[in-house]
Amino acid sequence: MEVPENLKNPQNARREGSNMKCLADYSVEKEVGEGSFSTVYLARRKEPKNDENPEVALKICLKRLILKNKMVPYIHREKEALALISREENAHPGIVTLYATFQDSESLYFVLEYAKYGDLCTLMQKQPDSKFNVADSRYYAANLLSALEHIHKLGIIHRDVKADNLLVKSDGRIMLTDFGSSKFLSDYQKIQENPVEEEQPTGRRSSFVGTAFFVTPELLTGSEMSPSSDLWAFSVTLYLFLTGIYPFNDMSEYLVFRRIQDILYTFSEDFPDENAKNLIERLLVKEQKSRLTSQEIKEHKFFESIDFEHLEQLEPPRIY
């Protein structure tokens, strides 16, 4: 889709402060993604510093749609989470970096790390049988686990873990993105002290966040979520990598939720790896406290060939 003229030639771009970025600092080249209230473009810094990659992802969120869909808390939370993660002392190679934010009268702008090859789910669908082999699944799962463990230590739950939110960079490595559904663990403490229902962008309250196939039992029952909620979604993602299908699948969202609540899923006779099967079984457990922890997952036999301290030294799969 063609870049709008107001983005190509931002005549009225204004800086909110001398050290602040604005649209005039970037050349917008092409659209690379679209959401319900935002559009993502490939852009280039006009004056990059020596150590900066000139390519960035420019996420543009329309204020009128944010207000209409009651997304203000989600935008604030995404910015807050990304700002914390993107501090130099908190940076992680497997998590998207936020470089800058700014706004004008119509839009909010997020300047983010660019991923050349798009999302991992789309790339997976282009593989033979629309799935990954065991070795590639192990690699991507290990990197996802490393990213999740990192944000959990920072007190953040992602709450929308899925292959669509894993982006593939120019070197083939992945990074976790889309923190719009994330929540700080400290938020749950505030809710306990002052219980107020959280309004969802769909109009439902405290009932749904994330994508149906990855939803946790605790979310469906209105229970408090925790880092183990992300690990549930991690195991659903691993199952998807290995099979190309979701463990909880049915004809409607309602029936998917029923399957999740009853933990109704199966492994095919040709499921490719027994150790992966055992790992998934120990994570798709209704009680959060009964699920494996991040450390226990790293120590599981499925990952015995992975050195989590040196993940960056592993050669990523060439799937693009």
Protein backbone atom coordinates (compact mmCIF):
# COMPACT_ATOMS: atom_id res chain seq x y z
CA MET A 1 0.00 0.00 0.00
CA GLU A 2 1.30 3.46 -0.89
CA VAL A 3 2.64 5.68 1.87
CA PRO A 4 0.28 8.65 2.51
CA GLU A 5 1.57 12.00 1.32
CA ASN A 6 1.49 13.51 4.82
CA LEU A 7 4.03 10.87 5.93
CA LYS A 8 6.26 11.32 2.89
CA ASN A 9 6.38 15.09 3.29
CA PRO A 10 5.58 16.03 6.90
CA GLN A 11 5.22 19.76 6.34
CA ASN A 12 3.86 20.57 9.78
CA ALA A 13 5.95 18.24 11.94
CA ARG A 14 6.79 19.94 15.21
CA ARG A 15 9.20 19.00 17.95
CA GLU A 16 7.82 18.95 21.50
CA GLY A 17 11.31 19.65 22.86
CA SER A 18 14.83 20.25 21.61
CA ASN A 19 15.85 16.64 22.34
CA MET A 20 12.61 15.11 21.10
CA LYS A 21 12.14 13.29 17.82
CA CYS A 22 9.42 14.13 15.29
CA LEU A 23 8.18 12.76 11.98
CA ALA A 24 10.57 14.99 10.03
CA ASP A 25 13.50 12.95 11.40
CA TYR A 26 12.43 9.90 9.37
CA SER A 27 11.85 8.95 5.74
CA VAL A 28 8.84 6.66 5.58
CA GLU A 29 9.34 4.03 2.86
CA LYS A 30 6.59 1.41 2.89
CA GLU A 31 3.80 -0.16 4.94
CA VAL A 32 4.79 -3.43 6.60
CA GLY A 33 1.86 -4.14 8.92
CA GLU A 34 -1.57 -3.03 10.02
CA GLY A 35 -3.69 -3.41 13.16
CA SER A 36 -7.13 -2.29 14.28
CA PHE A 37 -5.91 1.16 15.31
CA SER A 38 -2.34 1.37 14.05
CA THR A 39 -0.18 0.97 10.96
CA VAL A 40 3.49 0.01 10.91
CA TYR A 41 5.90 1.38 8.31
CA LEU A 42 9.50 0.75 7.41
CA ALA A 43 11.27 4.08 7.88
CA ARG A 44 14.84 5.36 7.84
CA ARG A 45 16.57 7.74 10.17
CA LYS A 46 17.65 10.76 8.15
CA GLU A 47 20.68 11.39 10.36
CA PRO A 48 21.66 8.11 12.06
CA LYS A 49 24.49 8.06 14.55
CA ASN A 50 27.51 5.90 13.77
CA ASP A 51 26.28 2.90 15.78
CA GLU A 52 22.62 3.16 14.76
CA ASN A 53 20.84 1.02 12.21
CA PRO A 54 19.15 3.53 9.88
CA GLU A 55 16.14 1.21 9.42
CA VAL A 56 13.37 1.43 12.01
CA ALA A 57 9.77 0.34 12.33
CA LEU A 58 7.46 3.34 12.73
CA LYS A 59 4.22 2.36 14.45
CA ILE A 60 1.56 5.04 13.98
CA CYS A 61 -1.50 4.89 16.25
CA LEU A 62 -4.52 7.05 15.40
CA LYS A 63 -5.76 8.92 18.46
CA ARG A 64 -9.40 8.92 17.36
CA LEU A 65 -9.41 5.11 17.07
CA ILE A 66 -7.58 4.70 20.38
CA LEU A 67 -10.27 6.75 22.11
CA LYS A 68 -13.13 5.11 20.22
CA ASN A 69 -11.93 1.60 21.11
CA LYS A 70 -11.00 2.54 24.69
CA MET A 71 -7.37 1.59 24.14
CA VAL A 72 -5.73 4.40 26.13
CA PRO A 73 -4.65 2.17 29.08
CA TYR A 74 -3.17 -0.36 26.66
CA ILE A 75 -1.15 2.27 24.79
CA HIS A 76 0.17 3.69 28.06
CA ARG A 77 1.05 0.23 29.31
CA GLU A 78 2.84 -0.70 26.09
CA LYS A 79 4.90 2.48 26.23
CA GLU A 80 5.74 2.00 29.91
CA ALA A 81 6.75 -1.65 29.44
CA LEU A 82 8.86 -0.96 26.33
CA ALA A 83 10.54 2.04 27.95
CA LEU A 84 11.58 -0.11 30.91
CA ILE A 85 12.80 -3.00 28.75
CA SER A 86 14.68 -0.66 26.39
CA ARG A 87 16.82 0.92 29.07
CA GLU A 88 20.45 0.07 28.44
CA GLU A 89 20.73 -1.94 31.67
CA ASN A 90 17.57 -3.94 30.80
CA ALA A 91 18.16 -4.55 27.09
CA HIS A 92 17.74 -8.09 25.77
CA PRO A 93 18.57 -9.18 22.19
CA GLY A 94 15.38 -11.23 22.00
CA ILE A 95 13.03 -8.35 22.80
CA VAL A 96 12.09 -5.43 20.55
CA THR A 97 13.78 -2.11 21.39
CA LEU A 98 11.85 1.14 21.66
CA TYR A 99 13.99 4.01 20.35
CA ALA A 100 11.62 6.96 20.69
CA THR A 101 8.02 8.09 21.00
CA PHE A 102 6.37 11.32 19.92
CA GLN A 103 2.96 12.61 18.90
CA ASP A 104 1.09 15.18 16.86
CA SER A 105 -2.53 16.28 16.85
CA GLU A 106 -3.76 13.11 15.14
CA SER A 107 -1.36 10.30 15.98
CA LEU A 108 1.00 8.68 18.47
CA TYR A 109 4.32 7.37 17.09
CA PHE A 110 6.47 4.49 18.34
CA VAL A 111 9.94 4.19 16.78
CA LEU A 112 10.92 0.54 17.15
CA GLU A 113 13.56 -1.95 16.12
CA TYR A 114 12.86 -3.19 12.60
CA ALA A 115 12.46 -6.88 11.72
CA LYS A 116 13.30 -7.50 8.07
CA TYR A 117 11.54 -10.84 7.65
CA GLY A 118 8.29 -10.13 9.47
CA ASP A 119 6.57 -12.43 11.96
CA LEU A 120 7.53 -16.02 12.66
CA CYS A 121 4.00 -17.36 12.21
CA THR A 122 3.85 -16.21 8.59
CA LEU A 123 7.28 -17.70 7.89
CA MET A 124 6.25 -20.97 9.55
CA GLN A 125 3.26 -21.25 7.24
CA LYS A 126 5.65 -21.14 4.28
CA GLN A 127 7.63 -24.16 5.54
CA PRO A 128 6.90 -27.77 4.46
CA ASP A 129 3.60 -28.83 6.10
CA SER A 130 3.40 -25.33 7.65
CA LYS A 131 5.50 -26.30 10.67
CA PHE A 132 9.10 -26.40 11.89
CA ASN A 133 11.32 -29.40 12.39
CA VAL A 134 12.31 -30.34 15.94
CA ALA A 135 15.69 -28.59 15.86
CA ASP A 136 14.24 -25.30 14.60
CA SER A 137 11.34 -25.53 17.06
CA ARG A 138 13.83 -26.03 19.89
CA TYR A 139 15.87 -23.03 18.80
CA TYR A 140 12.89 -20.66 18.58
CA ALA A 141 11.36 -21.95 21.80
CA ALA A 142 14.65 -21.49 23.67
CA ASN A 143 14.92 -17.89 22.50
CA LEU A 144 11.29 -17.19 23.40
CA LEU A 145 11.83 -18.68 26.85
CA SER A 146 14.90 -16.50 27.38
CA ALA A 147 12.89 -13.38 26.50
CA LEU A 148 10.02 -14.35 28.79
CA GLU A 149 12.32 -15.10 31.70
CA HIS A 150 13.88 -11.67 31.22
CA ILE A 151 10.63 -9.69 31.26
CA HIS A 152 9.36 -11.70 34.22
CA LYS A 153 12.45 -10.68 36.19
CA LEU A 154 11.56 -7.07 35.34
CA GLY A 155 8.08 -7.62 36.74
CA ILE A 156 6.23 -7.76 33.41
CA ILE A 157 3.77 -10.39 32.12
CA HIS A 158 3.36 -10.30 28.34
CA ARG A 159 -0.14 -11.89 28.22
CA ASP A 160 -0.18 -12.27 24.42
CA VAL A 161 2.60 -14.75 23.69
CA LYS A 162 2.23 -16.30 20.22
CA ALA A 163 4.24 -16.88 17.05
CA ASP A 164 2.65 -13.79 15.47
CA ASN A 165 4.39 -11.67 18.12
CA LEU A 166 7.83 -13.07 17.35
CA LEU A 167 9.57 -11.04 14.66
CA VAL A 168 12.53 -12.25 12.59
CA LYS A 169 15.43 -9.81 12.21
CA SER A 170 17.83 -9.53 9.29
CA ASP A 171 20.23 -12.01 10.93
CA GLY A 172 17.47 -14.60 11.39
CA ARG A 173 17.18 -14.13 15.15
CA ILE A 174 13.80 -13.49 16.73
CA MET A 175 12.53 -10.82 19.07
CA LEU A 176 9.38 -10.66 21.18
CA THR A 177 7.12 -7.71 20.37
CA ASP A 178 3.63 -6.25 20.99
CA PHE A 179 3.41 -5.34 24.67
CA GLY A 180 -0.03 -3.76 24.34
CA SER A 181 -1.62 -6.52 26.45
CA SER A 182 1.21 -6.67 28.97
CA LYS A 183 0.81 -5.98 32.64
CA PHE A 184 3.14 -5.21 35.51
CA LEU A 185 3.02 -7.66 38.40
CA SER A 186 2.69 -4.62 40.66
CA ASP A 187 -0.65 -3.85 38.95
CA TYR A 188 -2.16 -6.99 40.46
CA GLN A 189 -1.13 -5.83 43.90
CA LYS A 190 -2.92 -2.53 43.26
CA ILE A 191 -6.03 -4.40 42.09
CA GLN A 192 -6.05 -6.47 45.29
CA GLU A 193 -5.87 -3.30 47.37
CA ASN A 194 -8.48 -1.45 45.26
CA PRO A 195 -10.47 -3.91 43.13
CA VAL A 196 -11.67 -2.24 39.91
CA GLU A 197 -12.70 -4.13 36.81
CA GLU A 198 -10.48 -3.57 33.82
CA GLU A 199 -12.38 -2.52 30.73
CA GLN A 200 -11.39 -4.43 27.63
CA PRO A 201 -11.23 -2.81 24.19
CA THR A 202 -14.03 -5.12 23.03
CA GLY A 203 -16.36 -3.80 25.72
CA ARG A 204 -16.01 -6.94 27.88
CA ARG A 205 -14.53 -6.61 31.34
CA SER A 206 -11.75 -8.73 32.81
CA SER A 207 -12.75 -11.51 30.45
CA PHE A 208 -10.38 -11.68 27.53
CA VAL A 209 -6.91 -10.60 26.56
CA GLY A 210 -4.70 -12.12 23.91
CA THR A 211 -5.67 -14.61 21.21
CA ALA A 212 -8.29 -17.35 21.75
CA PHE A 213 -6.01 -20.34 21.04
CA PHE A 214 -3.46 -19.14 23.61
CA VAL A 215 -5.83 -18.09 26.41
CA THR A 216 -5.13 -19.52 29.85
CA PRO A 217 -7.59 -21.28 32.20
CA GLU A 218 -7.00 -18.61 34.85
CA LEU A 219 -8.05 -15.83 32.52
CA LEU A 220 -11.27 -17.66 31.65
CA THR A 221 -12.12 -18.06 35.34
CA GLY A 222 -11.18 -14.48 36.21
CA SER A 223 -8.26 -15.56 38.39
CA GLU A 224 -5.07 -13.57 38.80
CA MET A 225 -2.47 -14.13 36.10
CA SER A 226 1.23 -14.69 36.74
CA PRO A 227 4.44 -15.43 34.82
CA SER A 228 3.22 -19.03 34.52
CA SER A 229 0.41 -17.69 32.32
CA ASP A 230 3.02 -16.74 29.74
CA LEU A 231 4.55 -20.21 30.10
CA TRP A 232 1.19 -21.79 29.27
CA ALA A 233 1.17 -19.77 26.04
CA PHE A 234 4.81 -20.72 25.50
CA SER A 235 3.84 -24.42 25.50
CA VAL A 236 0.93 -23.76 23.09
CA THR A 237 3.43 -22.00 20.82
CA LEU A 238 5.87 -24.93 21.01
CA TYR A 239 3.04 -27.33 20.12
CA LEU A 240 2.21 -25.11 17.13
CA PHE A 241 5.86 -25.02 15.99
CA LEU A 242 6.05 -28.83 15.99
CA THR A 243 2.66 -29.63 14.44
CA GLY A 244 1.40 -26.58 12.57
CA ILE A 245 -1.89 -26.75 14.52
CA TYR A 246 -3.14 -25.53 17.89
CA PRO A 247 -3.62 -27.95 20.79
CA PHE A 248 -6.98 -26.34 21.64
CA ASN A 249 -8.95 -25.93 18.44
CA ASP A 250 -12.64 -26.11 17.61
CA MET A 251 -15.38 -24.58 15.47
CA SER A 252 -15.94 -21.50 17.61
CA GLU A 253 -14.18 -19.35 20.19
CA TYR A 254 -16.63 -20.58 22.83
CA LEU A 255 -15.77 -24.23 22.14
CA VAL A 256 -12.04 -23.42 22.16
CA PHE A 257 -12.50 -21.88 25.61
CA ARG A 258 -14.38 -24.96 26.82
CA ARG A 259 -11.50 -27.15 25.68
CA ILE A 260 -9.01 -24.93 27.49
CA GLN A 261 -11.04 -24.99 30.70
CA ASP A 262 -11.25 -28.80 30.57
CA ILE A 263 -7.64 -29.22 29.30
CA LEU A 264 -8.92 -31.19 26.31
CA TYR A 265 -6.16 -31.73 23.78
CA THR A 266 -4.34 -34.67 22.21
CA PHE A 267 -1.04 -35.60 20.61
CA SER A 268 -1.09 -37.34 17.26
CA GLU A 269 0.60 -40.73 16.93
CA ASP A 270 3.30 -39.14 14.79
CA PHE A 271 4.03 -36.27 17.19
CA PRO A 272 7.70 -35.63 16.40
CA ASP A 273 9.42 -35.61 19.81
CA GLU A 274 8.71 -37.42 23.07
CA ASN A 275 10.66 -34.95 25.19
CA ALA A 276 8.70 -32.03 23.74
CA LYS A 277 5.50 -33.95 24.43
CA ASN A 278 6.48 -34.42 28.08
CA LEU A 279 7.41 -30.74 28.42
CA ILE A 280 4.09 -29.58 26.97
CA GLU A 281 2.14 -31.96 29.22
CA ARG A 282 3.85 -30.47 32.26
CA LEU A 283 2.94 -26.92 31.22
CA LEU A 284 -0.64 -27.34 29.99
CA VAL A 285 -1.83 -27.78 33.56
CA LYS A 286 -4.83 -25.94 35.00
CA GLU A 287 -3.21 -24.97 38.32
CA GLN A 288 -0.56 -22.31 37.78
CA LYS A 289 1.57 -23.52 40.70
CA SER A 290 1.74 -26.99 39.16
CA ARG A 291 3.33 -25.78 35.91
CA LEU A 292 7.06 -25.94 35.40
CA THR A 293 9.00 -22.77 36.13
CA SER A 294 11.30 -21.11 33.59
CA GLN A 295 14.31 -22.67 35.28
CA GLU A 296 12.73 -26.13 35.27
CA ILE A 297 11.92 -25.73 31.57
CA LYS A 298 15.54 -24.83 30.80
CA GLU A 299 16.65 -27.96 32.69
CA HIS A 300 14.14 -30.20 30.88
CA LYS A 301 15.52 -32.93 28.64
CA PHE A 302 14.03 -31.28 25.54
CA PHE A 303 16.53 -28.43 25.98
CA GLU A 304 19.55 -30.45 27.11
CA SER A 305 21.47 -29.49 23.94
CA ILE A 306 20.85 -25.75 24.51
CA ASP A 307 23.30 -23.52 26.35
CA PHE A 308 20.98 -20.77 27.55
CA GLU A 309 23.92 -18.62 28.66
CA HIS A 310 25.19 -18.39 25.08
CA LEU A 311 22.05 -18.42 22.91
CA GLU A 312 23.44 -15.65 20.73
CA GLN A 313 26.25 -17.93 19.63
CA LEU A 314 23.81 -20.40 18.08
CA GLU A 315 23.29 -20.12 14.34
CA PRO A 316 19.62 -19.29 13.63
CA PRO A 317 17.65 -21.37 11.12
CA ARG A 318 17.46 -20.02 7.58
CA ILE A 319 13.73 -20.28 6.98
CA TYR A 320 13.22 -17.21 4.78
